[in-house]
C-alpha atoms as a PDB file:
ATOM      1  CA  UNK A   1     142.581 109.583  88.987  1.00  0.00           C
ATOM      2  CA  UNK A   2     142.479 113.169  87.782  1.00  0.00           C
ATOM      3  CA  UNK A   3     139.366 112.291  85.772  1.00  0.00           C
ATOM      4  CA  UNK A   4     137.602 110.925  88.878  1.00  0.00           C
ATOM      5  CA  UNK A   5     138.439 114.063  90.859  1.00  0.00           C
ATOM      6  CA  UNK A   6     137.257 116.385  88.092  1.00  0.00           C
ATOM      7  CA  UNK A   7     134.026 114.404  87.679  1.00  0.00           C
ATOM      8  CA  UNK A   8     133.459 114.557  91.438  1.00  0.00           C
ATOM      9  CA  UNK A   9     133.925 118.317  91.488  1.00  0.00           C
ATOM     10  CA  UNK A  10     131.613 118.802  88.521  1.00  0.00           C
ATOM     11  CA  UNK A  11     129.016 116.559  90.146  1.00  0.00           C
ATOM     12  CA  UNK A  12     129.250 118.536  93.376  1.00  0.00           C
ATOM     13  CA  UNK A  13     128.676 121.795  91.504  1.00  0.00           C
ATOM     14  CA  UNK A  14     125.694 120.346  89.624  1.00  0.00           C
ATOM     15  CA  UNK A  15     124.294 118.905  92.841  1.00  0.00           C
ATOM     16  CA  UNK A  16     124.431 122.260  94.611  1.00  0.00           C
ATOM     17  CA  UNK A  17     122.768 124.067  91.710  1.00  0.00           C
ATOM     18  CA  UNK A  18     119.969 121.525  91.304  1.00  0.00           C
ATOM     19  CA  UNK A  19     119.425 120.967  95.017  1.00  0.00           C
ATOM     20  CA  UNK A  20     118.323 124.574  95.385  1.00  0.00           C
ATOM     21  CA  UNK A  21     115.326 123.784  93.177  1.00  0.00           C
ATOM     22  CA  UNK A  22     114.516 120.580  95.055  1.00  0.00           C
ATOM     23  CA  UNK A  23     114.851 122.365  98.387  1.00  0.00           C
ATOM     24  CA  UNK A  24     112.046 124.779  97.436  1.00  0.00           C
ATOM     25  CA  UNK A  25     109.509 121.944  97.353  1.00  0.00           C
ATOM     26  CA  UNK A  26     110.082 121.104 101.034  1.00  0.00           C
ATOM     27  CA  UNK A  27     109.181 117.477 100.401  1.00  0.00           C
ATOM     28  CA  UNK A  28     111.393 115.090 102.315  1.00  0.00           C
ATOM     29  CA  UNK A  29     110.753 112.285  99.813  1.00  0.00           C
ATOM     30  CA  UNK A  30     111.827 114.454  96.880  1.00  0.00           C
ATOM     31  CA  UNK A  31     115.016 115.393  98.685  1.00  0.00           C
ATOM     32  CA  UNK A  32     115.839 111.778  99.538  1.00  0.00           C
ATOM     33  CA  UNK A  33     115.162 110.552  95.995  1.00  0.00           C
ATOM     34  CA  UNK A  34     117.270 113.355  94.537  1.00  0.00           C
ATOM     35  CA  UNK A  35     120.177 112.680  96.890  1.00  0.00           C
ATOM     36  CA  UNK A  36     119.968 108.923  96.292  1.00  0.00           C
ATOM     37  CA  UNK A  37     119.891 109.388  92.526  1.00  0.00           C
ATOM     38  CA  UNK A  38     122.887 111.708  92.676  1.00  0.00           C
ATOM     39  CA  UNK A  39     124.852 109.213  94.759  1.00  0.00           C
ATOM     40  CA  UNK A  40     124.104 106.366  92.334  1.00  0.00           C
ATOM     41  CA  UNK A  41     124.981 108.546  89.325  1.00  0.00           C
ATOM     42  CA  UNK A  42     128.218 109.691  90.942  1.00  0.00           C
ATOM     43  CA  UNK A  43     129.181 106.102  91.735  1.00  0.00           C
ATOM     44  CA  UNK A  44     128.552 105.014  88.145  1.00  0.00           C
ATOM     45  CA  UNK A  45     130.409 107.946  86.589  1.00  0.00           C
ATOM     46  CA  UNK A  46     133.439 107.561  88.845  1.00  0.00           C
ATOM     47  CA  UNK A  47     133.468 103.798  88.219  1.00  0.00           C
ATOM     48  CA  UNK A  48     133.482 104.399  84.473  1.00  0.00           C
ATOM     49  CA  UNK A  49     136.138 107.098  84.704  1.00  0.00           C
ATOM     50  CA  UNK A  50     138.576 104.827  86.558  1.00  0.00           C
ATOM     51  CA  UNK A  51     137.847 101.855  84.320  1.00  0.00           C
ATOM     52  CA  UNK A  52     135.834  99.557  86.576  1.00  0.00           C
ATOM     53  CA  UNK A  53     133.542  97.147  84.739  1.00  0.00           C
ATOM     54  CA  UNK A  54     129.872  97.943  85.298  1.00  0.00           C
ATOM     55  CA  UNK A  55     127.347  95.173  84.598  1.00  0.00           C
ATOM     56  CA  UNK A  56     124.411  95.869  82.337  1.00  0.00           C
ATOM     57  CA  UNK A  57     121.210  96.757  84.157  1.00  0.00           C
ATOM     58  CA  UNK A  58     119.252  94.285  82.039  1.00  0.00           C
ATOM     59  CA  UNK A  59     121.496  91.440  83.216  1.00  0.00           C
ATOM     60  CA  UNK A  60     120.946  92.455  86.837  1.00  0.00           C
ATOM     61  CA  UNK A  61     117.175  92.627  86.361  1.00  0.00           C
ATOM     62  CA  UNK A  62     117.216  89.270  84.613  1.00  0.00           C
ATOM     63  CA  UNK A  63     118.990  87.673  87.577  1.00  0.00           C
ATOM     64  CA  UNK A  64     116.591  89.292  90.034  1.00  0.00           C
ATOM     65  CA  UNK A  65     113.399  88.262  88.239  1.00  0.00           C
ATOM     66  CA  UNK A  66     114.529  84.857  86.910  1.00  0.00           C
ATOM     67  CA  UNK A  67     113.219  82.909  89.951  1.00  0.00           C
ATOM     68  CA  UNK A  68     109.797  84.499  89.491  1.00  0.00           C
ATOM     69  CA  UNK A  69     109.423  84.452  85.714  1.00  0.00           C
ATOM     70  CA  UNK A  70     110.547  80.871  85.108  1.00  0.00           C
ATOM     71  CA  UNK A  71     107.743  79.163  87.077  1.00  0.00           C
ATOM     72  CA  UNK A  72     105.152  81.530  85.604  1.00  0.00           C
ATOM     73  CA  UNK A  73     106.379  80.822  82.062  1.00  0.00           C
ATOM     74  CA  UNK A  74     106.206  77.074  82.723  1.00  0.00           C
ATOM     75  CA  UNK A  75     102.698  77.442  84.115  1.00  0.00           C
ATOM     76  CA  UNK A  76     101.540  79.405  81.081  1.00  0.00           C
ATOM     77  CA  UNK A  77     102.991  76.761  78.730  1.00  0.00           C
ATOM     78  CA  UNK A  78     100.673  74.153  80.255  1.00  0.00           C
ATOM     79  CA  UNK A  79      97.606  76.251  79.334  1.00  0.00           C
ATOM     80  CA  UNK A  80      98.492  76.675  75.651  1.00  0.00           C
ATOM     81  CA  UNK A  81      96.427  74.596  73.244  1.00  0.00           C
ATOM     82  CA  UNK A  82      98.255  71.850  71.392  1.00  0.00           C
END
């Protein structure tokens, strides 16, 4: 638990330092992407520090795109010369 708290504090410090640079751009999209990325990174780091299993991103992408890629692969197999 101490590790999660120390990681959170370090992340907060890094966020404040880096956000000053993002704030200068005055782009709302940049700010939202930066904040979203920081939240995802913080979630992953805290999950790792307390020992939660995190699935591989390639497995997640495979599950997401499997319904699309399978029919396309089958369709392409029918066009290959024998």
